[in-house]
Amino acid sequence: ALSALFFLFIRNREERMRYRDRVEQERTRFQLEA
């Protein structure tokens, strides 16, 4: 269970990082185009 939680924590952290990167990239593109 702890291994699964650790795996989920790492995966969730990576997803959050990818989400922030995606939001930042999209925001930058959106602002530039605007």
All heavy atoms as atom14 arrays in JSON, in Angstrom:
{
  "sequence": "ALSALFFLFIRNREERMRYRDRVEQERTRFQLEA",
  "atom14_mask": [
    [1, 1, 1, 1, 1, 0, 0, 0, 0, 0, 0, 0, 0, 0],
    [1, 1, 1, 1, 1, 1, 1, 1, 0, 0, 0, 0, 0, 0],
    [1, 1, 1, 1, 1, 1, 0, 0, 0, 0, 0, 0, 0, 0],
    [1, 1, 1, 1, 1, 0, 0, 0, 0, 0, 0, 0, 0, 0],
    [1, 1, 1, 1, 1, 1, 1, 1, 0, 0, 0, 0, 0, 0],
    [1, 1, 1, 1, 1, 1, 1, 1, 1, 1, 1, 0, 0, 0],
    [1, 1, 1, 1, 1, 1, 1, 1, 1, 1, 1, 0, 0, 0],
    [1, 1, 1, 1, 1, 1, 1, 1, 0, 0, 0, 0, 0, 0],
    [1, 1, 1, 1, 1, 1, 1, 1, 1, 1, 1, 0, 0, 0],
    [1, 1, 1, 1, 1, 1, 1, 1, 0, 0, 0, 0, 0, 0],
    [1, 1, 1, 1, 1, 1, 1, 1, 1, 1, 1, 0, 0, 0],
    [1, 1, 1, 1, 1, 1, 1, 1, 0, 0, 0, 0, 0, 0],
    [1, 1, 1, 1, 1, 1, 1, 1, 1, 1, 1, 0, 0, 0],
    [1, 1, 1, 1, 1, 1, 1, 1, 1, 0, 0, 0, 0, 0],
    [1, 1, 1, 1, 1, 1, 1, 1, 1, 0, 0, 0, 0, 0],
    [1, 1, 1, 1, 1, 1, 1, 1, 1, 1, 1, 0, 0, 0],
    [1, 1, 1, 1, 1, 1, 1, 1, 0, 0, 0, 0, 0, 0],
    [1, 1, 1, 1, 1, 1, 1, 1, 1, 1, 1, 0, 0, 0],
    [1, 1, 1, 1, 1, 1, 1, 1, 1, 1, 1, 1, 0, 0],
    [1, 1, 1, 1, 1, 1, 1, 1, 1, 1, 1, 0, 0, 0],
    [1, 1, 1, 1, 1, 1, 1, 1, 0, 0, 0, 0, 0, 0],
    [1, 1, 1, 1, 1, 1, 1, 1, 1, 1, 1, 0, 0, 0],
    [1, 1, 1, 1, 1, 1, 1, 0, 0, 0, 0, 0, 0, 0],
    [1, 1, 1, 1, 1, 1, 1, 1, 1, 0, 0, 0, 0, 0],
    [1, 1, 1, 1, 1, 1, 1, 1, 1, 0, 0, 0, 0, 0],
    [1, 1, 1, 1, 1, 1, 1, 1, 1, 0, 0, 0, 0, 0],
    [1, 1, 1, 1, 1, 1, 1, 1, 1, 1, 1, 0, 0, 0],
    [1, 1, 1, 1, 1, 1, 1, 0, 0, 0, 0, 0, 0, 0],
    [1, 1, 1, 1, 1, 1, 1, 1, 1, 1, 1, 0, 0, 0],
    [1, 1, 1, 1, 1, 1, 1, 1, 1, 1, 1, 0, 0, 0],
    [1, 1, 1, 1, 1, 1, 1, 1, 1, 0, 0, 0, 0, 0],
    [1, 1, 1, 1, 1, 1, 1, 1, 0, 0, 0, 0, 0, 0],
    [1, 1, 1, 1, 1, 1, 1, 1, 1, 0, 0, 0, 0, 0],
    [1, 1, 1, 1, 1, 0, 0, 0, 0, 0, 0, 0, 0, 0]
  ],
  "atom14_positions": [
    [[0.83, -1.2, 0.0], [0.0, 0.0, 0.0], [0.87, 1.26, 0.0], [0.6, 2.22, -0.73], [-0.94, 0.01, 1.21], [0.0, 0.0, 0.0], [0.0, 0.0, 0.0], [0.0, 0.0, 0.0], [0.0, 0.0, 0.0], [0.0, 0.0, 0.0], [0.0, 0.0, 0.0], [0.0, 0.0, 0.0], [0.0, 0.0, 0.0], [0.0, 0.0, 0.0]],
    [[1.93, 1.25, 0.83], [2.82, 2.41, 0.88], [3.54, 2.59, -0.46], [3.73, 3.72, -0.93], [3.83, 2.25, 2.01], [3.27, 2.37, 3.43], [4.35, 2.08, 4.45], [2.7, 3.76, 3.66], [0.0, 0.0, 0.0], [0.0, 0.0, 0.0], [0.0, 0.0, 0.0], [0.0, 0.0, 0.0], [0.0, 0.0, 0.0], [0.0, 0.0, 0.0]],
    [[3.93, 1.46, -1.06], [4.58, 1.55, -2.37], [3.63, 2.13, -3.4], [4.01, 2.97, -4.22], [5.05, 0.16, -2.81], [5.98, -0.38, -1.89], [0.0, 0.0, 0.0], [0.0, 0.0, 0.0], [0.0, 0.0, 0.0], [0.0, 0.0, 0.0], [0.0, 0.0, 0.0], [0.0, 0.0, 0.0], [0.0, 0.0, 0.0], [0.0, 0.0, 0.0]],
    [[2.35, 1.67, -3.34], [1.36, 2.2, -4.28], [1.12, 3.68, -4.05], [1.02, 4.47, -5.01], [0.05, 1.42, -4.15], [0.0, 0.0, 0.0], [0.0, 0.0, 0.0], [0.0, 0.0, 0.0], [0.0, 0.0, 0.0], [0.0, 0.0, 0.0], [0.0, 0.0, 0.0], [0.0, 0.0, 0.0], [0.0, 0.0, 0.0], [0.0, 0.0, 0.0]],
    [[1.03, 4.09, -2.77], [0.84, 5.5, -2.46], [2.02, 6.33, -2.94], [1.84, 7.44, -3.47], [0.62, 5.69, -0.96], [-0.72, 5.21, -0.4], [-0.75, 5.35, 1.12], [-1.88, 5.98, -1.01], [0.0, 0.0, 0.0], [0.0, 0.0, 0.0], [0.0, 0.0, 0.0], [0.0, 0.0, 0.0], [0.0, 0.0, 0.0], [0.0, 0.0, 0.0]],
    [[3.23, 5.79, -2.72], [4.42, 6.51, -3.16], [4.41, 6.65, -4.68], [4.72, 7.72, -5.22], [5.67, 5.77, -2.7], [6.96, 6.43, -3.11], [7.39, 7.58, -2.47], [7.73, 5.91, -4.13], [8.57, 8.21, -2.84], [8.91, 6.52, -4.51], [9.33, 7.68, -3.86], [0.0, 0.0, 0.0], [0.0, 0.0, 0.0], [0.0, 0.0, 0.0]],
    [[4.03, 5.56, -5.37], [3.96, 5.6, -6.83], [2.92, 6.63, -7.29], [3.18, 7.42, -8.2], [3.62, 4.22, -7.37], [3.33, 4.18, -8.84], [4.36, 4.25, -9.77], [2.02, 4.09, -9.3], [4.09, 4.24, -11.13], [1.74, 4.08, -10.66], [2.78, 4.15, -11.57], [0.0, 0.0, 0.0], [0.0, 0.0, 0.0], [0.0, 0.0, 0.0]],
    [[1.74, 6.6, -6.63], [0.7, 7.55, -7.01], [1.12, 8.99, -6.71], [0.8, 9.91, -7.48], [-0.6, 7.23, -6.25], [-1.29, 5.93, -6.64], [-2.49, 5.67, -5.74], [-1.73, 5.97, -8.1], [0.0, 0.0, 0.0], [0.0, 0.0, 0.0], [0.0, 0.0, 0.0], [0.0, 0.0, 0.0], [0.0, 0.0, 0.0], [0.0, 0.0, 0.0]],
    [[1.84, 9.16, -5.58], [2.32, 10.51, -5.24], [3.29, 11.02, -6.3], [3.18, 12.16, -6.76], [3.01, 10.48, -3.87], [3.73, 11.76, -3.53], [3.02, 12.86, -3.09], [5.11, 11.85, -3.66], [3.68, 14.05, -2.78], [5.77, 13.03, -3.35], [5.04, 14.13, -2.91], [0.0, 0.0, 0.0], [0.0, 0.0, 0.0], [0.0, 0.0, 0.0]],
    [[4.23, 10.14, -6.72], [5.19, 10.54, -7.74], [4.49, 10.84, -9.05], [4.76, 11.85, -9.72], [6.26, 9.45, -7.92], [7.09, 9.29, -6.63], [7.17, 9.78, -9.09], [7.86, 10.52, -6.23], [0.0, 0.0, 0.0], [0.0, 0.0, 0.0], [0.0, 0.0, 0.0], [0.0, 0.0, 0.0], [0.0, 0.0, 0.0], [0.0, 0.0, 0.0]],
    [[3.55, 9.94, -9.43], [2.84, 10.15, -10.69], [1.99, 11.41, -10.64], [1.95, 12.19, -11.62], [1.97, 8.94, -11.02], [1.39, 8.99, -12.43], [0.64, 7.73, -12.77], [-0.59, 7.61, -12.0], [-1.48, 6.65, -12.17], [-1.25, 5.7, -13.07], [-2.58, 6.59, -11.45], [0.0, 0.0, 0.0], [0.0, 0.0, 0.0], [0.0, 0.0, 0.0]],
    [[1.32, 11.63, -9.5], [0.5, 12.83, -9.36], [1.37, 14.09, -9.4], [0.99, 15.11, -10.01], [-0.28, 12.78, -8.05], [-1.28, 13.92, -7.94], [-2.05, 14.17, -8.85], [-1.26, 14.6, -6.81], [0.0, 0.0, 0.0], [0.0, 0.0, 0.0], [0.0, 0.0, 0.0], [0.0, 0.0, 0.0], [0.0, 0.0, 0.0], [0.0, 0.0, 0.0]],
    [[2.54, 13.99, -8.78], [3.47, 15.14, -8.8], [3.92, 15.43, -10.23], [3.98, 16.59, -10.66], [4.67, 14.85, -7.9], [5.71, 15.96, -7.85], [6.76, 15.62, -6.81], [7.82, 16.6, -6.82], [8.92, 16.53, -7.57], [9.07, 15.5, -8.41], [9.85, 17.45, -7.51], [0.0, 0.0, 0.0], [0.0, 0.0, 0.0], [0.0, 0.0, 0.0]],
    [[4.24, 14.37, -10.96], [4.66, 14.57, -12.34], [3.52, 15.13, -13.18], [3.74, 16.0, -14.04], [5.14, 13.25, -12.93], [6.45, 12.74, -12.31], [6.86, 11.39, -12.87], [6.05, 10.77, -13.58], [8.01, 10.97, -12.58], [0.0, 0.0, 0.0], [0.0, 0.0, 0.0], [0.0, 0.0, 0.0], [0.0, 0.0, 0.0], [0.0, 0.0, 0.0]],
    [[2.29, 14.64, -12.92], [1.15, 15.17, -13.66], [0.92, 16.64, -13.35], [0.58, 17.44, -14.23], [-0.1, 14.36, -13.34], [-0.09, 12.95, -13.94], [-1.33, 12.17, -13.58], [-2.12, 12.67, -12.74], [-1.52, 11.06, -14.13], [0.0, 0.0, 0.0], [0.0, 0.0, 0.0], [0.0, 0.0, 0.0], [0.0, 0.0, 0.0], [0.0, 0.0, 0.0]],
    [[1.07, 17.0, -12.05], [0.92, 18.41, -11.69], [1.98, 19.27, -12.37], [1.7, 20.38, -12.83], [1.0, 18.6, -10.18], [-0.21, 18.08, -9.42], [-0.28, 18.68, -8.03], [0.96, 18.49, -7.29], [1.21, 17.45, -6.51], [0.31, 16.49, -6.38], [2.35, 17.35, -5.85], [0.0, 0.0, 0.0], [0.0, 0.0, 0.0], [0.0, 0.0, 0.0]],
    [[3.21, 18.75, -12.43], [4.28, 19.5, -13.09], [3.99, 19.65, -14.58], [4.18, 20.74, -15.15], [5.63, 18.8, -12.87], [6.09, 18.82, -11.41], [7.64, 17.92, -11.15], [8.76, 18.93, -12.11], [0.0, 0.0, 0.0], [0.0, 0.0, 0.0], [0.0, 0.0, 0.0], [0.0, 0.0, 0.0], [0.0, 0.0, 0.0], [0.0, 0.0, 0.0]],
    [[3.53, 18.54, -15.21], [3.18, 18.64, -16.63], [2.01, 19.6, -16.82], [1.97, 20.35, -17.82], [2.83, 17.26, -17.18], [4.04, 16.35, -17.35], [3.69, 15.17, -18.23], [2.7, 14.31, -17.62], [3.0, 13.26, -16.86], [4.26, 12.95, -16.63], [2.04, 12.51, -16.33], [0.0, 0.0, 0.0], [0.0, 0.0, 0.0], [0.0, 0.0, 0.0]],
    [[1.04, 19.55, -15.88], [-0.11, 20.45, -15.97], [0.34, 21.9, -15.88], [-0.09, 22.75, -16.67], [-1.1, 20.12, -14.86], [-2.22, 21.13, -14.7], [-3.3, 21.14, -15.56], [-2.17, 22.08, -13.68], [-4.31, 22.07, -15.42], [-3.18, 23.02, -13.54], [-4.25, 23.01, -14.4], [-5.23, 23.92, -14.26], [0.0, 0.0, 0.0], [0.0, 0.0, 0.0]],
    [[1.24, 22.21, -14.91], [1.73, 23.58, -14.78], [2.49, 24.01, -16.03], [2.36, 25.14, -16.5], [2.62, 23.7, -13.54], [1.84, 23.71, -12.23], [2.7, 24.24, -11.11], [3.85, 23.39, -10.84], [3.86, 22.41, -9.95], [2.78, 22.17, -9.24], [4.94, 21.69, -9.76], [0.0, 0.0, 0.0], [0.0, 0.0, 0.0], [0.0, 0.0, 0.0]],
    [[3.31, 23.08, -16.56], [4.04, 23.42, -17.78], [3.08, 23.69, -18.93], [3.26, 24.63, -19.71], [5.0, 22.28, -18.15], [6.14, 22.14, -17.17], [6.39, 23.11, -16.43], [6.78, 21.07, -17.14], [0.0, 0.0, 0.0], [0.0, 0.0, 0.0], [0.0, 0.0, 0.0], [0.0, 0.0, 0.0], [0.0, 0.0, 0.0], [0.0, 0.0, 0.0]],
    [[2.04, 22.83, -19.05], [1.08, 23.0, -20.12], [0.31, 24.31, -19.98], [0.11, 25.04, -20.96], [0.1, 21.82, -20.14], [-0.83, 21.82, -21.33], [-1.6, 20.52, -21.43], [-2.54, 20.36, -20.33], [-2.39, 19.48, -19.35], [-1.33, 18.68, -19.31], [-3.31, 19.39, -18.39], [0.0, 0.0, 0.0], [0.0, 0.0, 0.0], [0.0, 0.0, 0.0]],
    [[-0.09, 24.62, -18.72], [-0.8, 25.87, -18.48], [0.09, 27.07, -18.8], [-0.34, 28.05, -19.42], [-1.29, 25.94, -17.01], [-1.81, 27.33, -16.67], [-2.39, 24.91, -16.78], [0.0, 0.0, 0.0], [0.0, 0.0, 0.0], [0.0, 0.0, 0.0], [0.0, 0.0, 0.0], [0.0, 0.0, 0.0], [0.0, 0.0, 0.0], [0.0, 0.0, 0.0]],
    [[1.36, 26.98, -18.37], [2.28, 28.09, -18.6], [2.53, 28.29, -20.1], [2.54, 29.43, -20.6], [3.6, 27.82, -17.87], [4.61, 28.94, -17.97], [4.13, 30.22, -17.31], [3.28, 30.12, -16.39], [4.6, 31.3, -17.72], [0.0, 0.0, 0.0], [0.0, 0.0, 0.0], [0.0, 0.0, 0.0], [0.0, 0.0, 0.0], [0.0, 0.0, 0.0]],
    [[2.72, 27.16, -20.81], [2.95, 27.28, -22.25], [1.73, 27.85, -22.94], [1.84, 28.73, -23.81], [3.3, 25.91, -22.82], [4.65, 25.38, -22.36], [4.88, 23.95, -22.81], [4.06, 23.37, -23.52], [6.0, 23.37, -22.38], [0.0, 0.0, 0.0], [0.0, 0.0, 0.0], [0.0, 0.0, 0.0], [0.0, 0.0, 0.0], [0.0, 0.0, 0.0]],
    [[0.55, 27.34, -22.56], [-0.67, 27.83, -23.2], [-0.93, 29.29, -22.84], [-1.36, 30.09, -23.69], [-1.85, 26.97, -22.79], [-3.12, 27.24, -23.56], [-2.95, 26.99, -25.05], [-2.21, 26.05, -25.42], [-3.56, 27.75, -25.83], [0.0, 0.0, 0.0], [0.0, 0.0, 0.0], [0.0, 0.0, 0.0], [0.0, 0.0, 0.0], [0.0, 0.0, 0.0]],
    [[-0.66, 29.65, -21.6], [-0.86, 31.04, -21.18], [0.08, 31.97, -21.95], [-0.32, 33.04, -22.42], [-0.63, 31.17, -19.67], [-0.85, 32.57, -19.14], [-0.77, 32.58, -17.62], [0.54, 32.17, -17.16], [1.57, 32.99, -17.02], [1.45, 34.26, -17.36], [2.72, 32.55, -16.56], [0.0, 0.0, 0.0], [0.0, 0.0, 0.0], [0.0, 0.0, 0.0]],
    [[1.33, 31.54, -22.07], [2.3, 32.37, -22.8], [1.89, 32.52, -24.26], [1.92, 33.62, -24.83], [3.7, 31.74, -22.71], [4.07, 31.61, -21.34], [4.73, 32.6, -23.42], [0.0, 0.0, 0.0], [0.0, 0.0, 0.0], [0.0, 0.0, 0.0], [0.0, 0.0, 0.0], [0.0, 0.0, 0.0], [0.0, 0.0, 0.0], [0.0, 0.0, 0.0]],
    [[1.47, 31.4, -24.89], [1.04, 31.46, -26.28], [-0.2, 32.35, -26.41], [-0.32, 33.15, -27.35], [0.73, 30.05, -26.78], [0.38, 30.01, -28.27], [-0.07, 28.64, -28.72], [0.93, 27.62, -28.42], [0.76, 26.65, -27.52], [-0.38, 26.58, -26.85], [1.7, 25.76, -27.31], [0.0, 0.0, 0.0], [0.0, 0.0, 0.0], [0.0, 0.0, 0.0]],
    [[-1.11, 32.19, -25.46], [-2.36, 32.97, -25.49], [-2.07, 34.47, -25.37], [-2.62, 35.29, -26.1], [-3.26, 32.5, -24.34], [-4.66, 33.04, -24.4], [-5.63, 32.4, -25.14], [-5.0, 34.18, -23.7], [-6.92, 32.89, -25.19], [-6.29, 34.68, -23.74], [-7.25, 34.03, -24.49], [0.0, 0.0, 0.0], [0.0, 0.0, 0.0], [0.0, 0.0, 0.0]],
    [[-1.19, 34.82, -24.42], [-0.85, 36.23, -24.22], [-0.16, 36.8, -25.45], [-0.44, 37.94, -25.88], [0.04, 36.37, -22.98], [-0.67, 36.03, -21.68], [0.31, 35.86, -20.54], [1.52, 35.88, -20.76], [-0.22, 35.69, -19.35], [0.0, 0.0, 0.0], [0.0, 0.0, 0.0], [0.0, 0.0, 0.0], [0.0, 0.0, 0.0], [0.0, 0.0, 0.0]],
    [[0.78, 36.02, -26.01], [1.5, 36.5, -27.18], [0.55, 36.75, -28.35], [0.61, 37.79, -29.01], [2.57, 35.48, -27.57], [3.42, 35.83, -28.8], [4.16, 37.14, -28.59], [4.4, 34.69, -29.09], [0.0, 0.0, 0.0], [0.0, 0.0, 0.0], [0.0, 0.0, 0.0], [0.0, 0.0, 0.0], [0.0, 0.0, 0.0], [0.0, 0.0, 0.0]],
    [[-0.35, 35.8, -28.58], [-1.3, 35.96, -29.67], [-2.26, 37.11, -29.41], [-2.65, 37.83, -30.33], [-2.07, 34.66, -29.9], [-1.22, 33.5, -30.38], [-0.66, 33.75, -31.77], [-1.23, 34.6, -32.5], [0.33, 33.11, -32.13], [0.0, 0.0, 0.0], [0.0, 0.0, 0.0], [0.0, 0.0, 0.0], [0.0, 0.0, 0.0], [0.0, 0.0, 0.0]],
    [[-2.64, 37.27, -28.14], [-3.54, 38.36, -27.8], [-2.88, 39.71, -28.06], [-3.49, 40.64, -28.61], [-3.99, 38.26, -26.34], [0.0, 0.0, 0.0], [0.0, 0.0, 0.0], [0.0, 0.0, 0.0], [0.0, 0.0, 0.0], [0.0, 0.0, 0.0], [0.0, 0.0, 0.0], [0.0, 0.0, 0.0], [0.0, 0.0, 0.0], [0.0, 0.0, 0.0]]
  ]
}
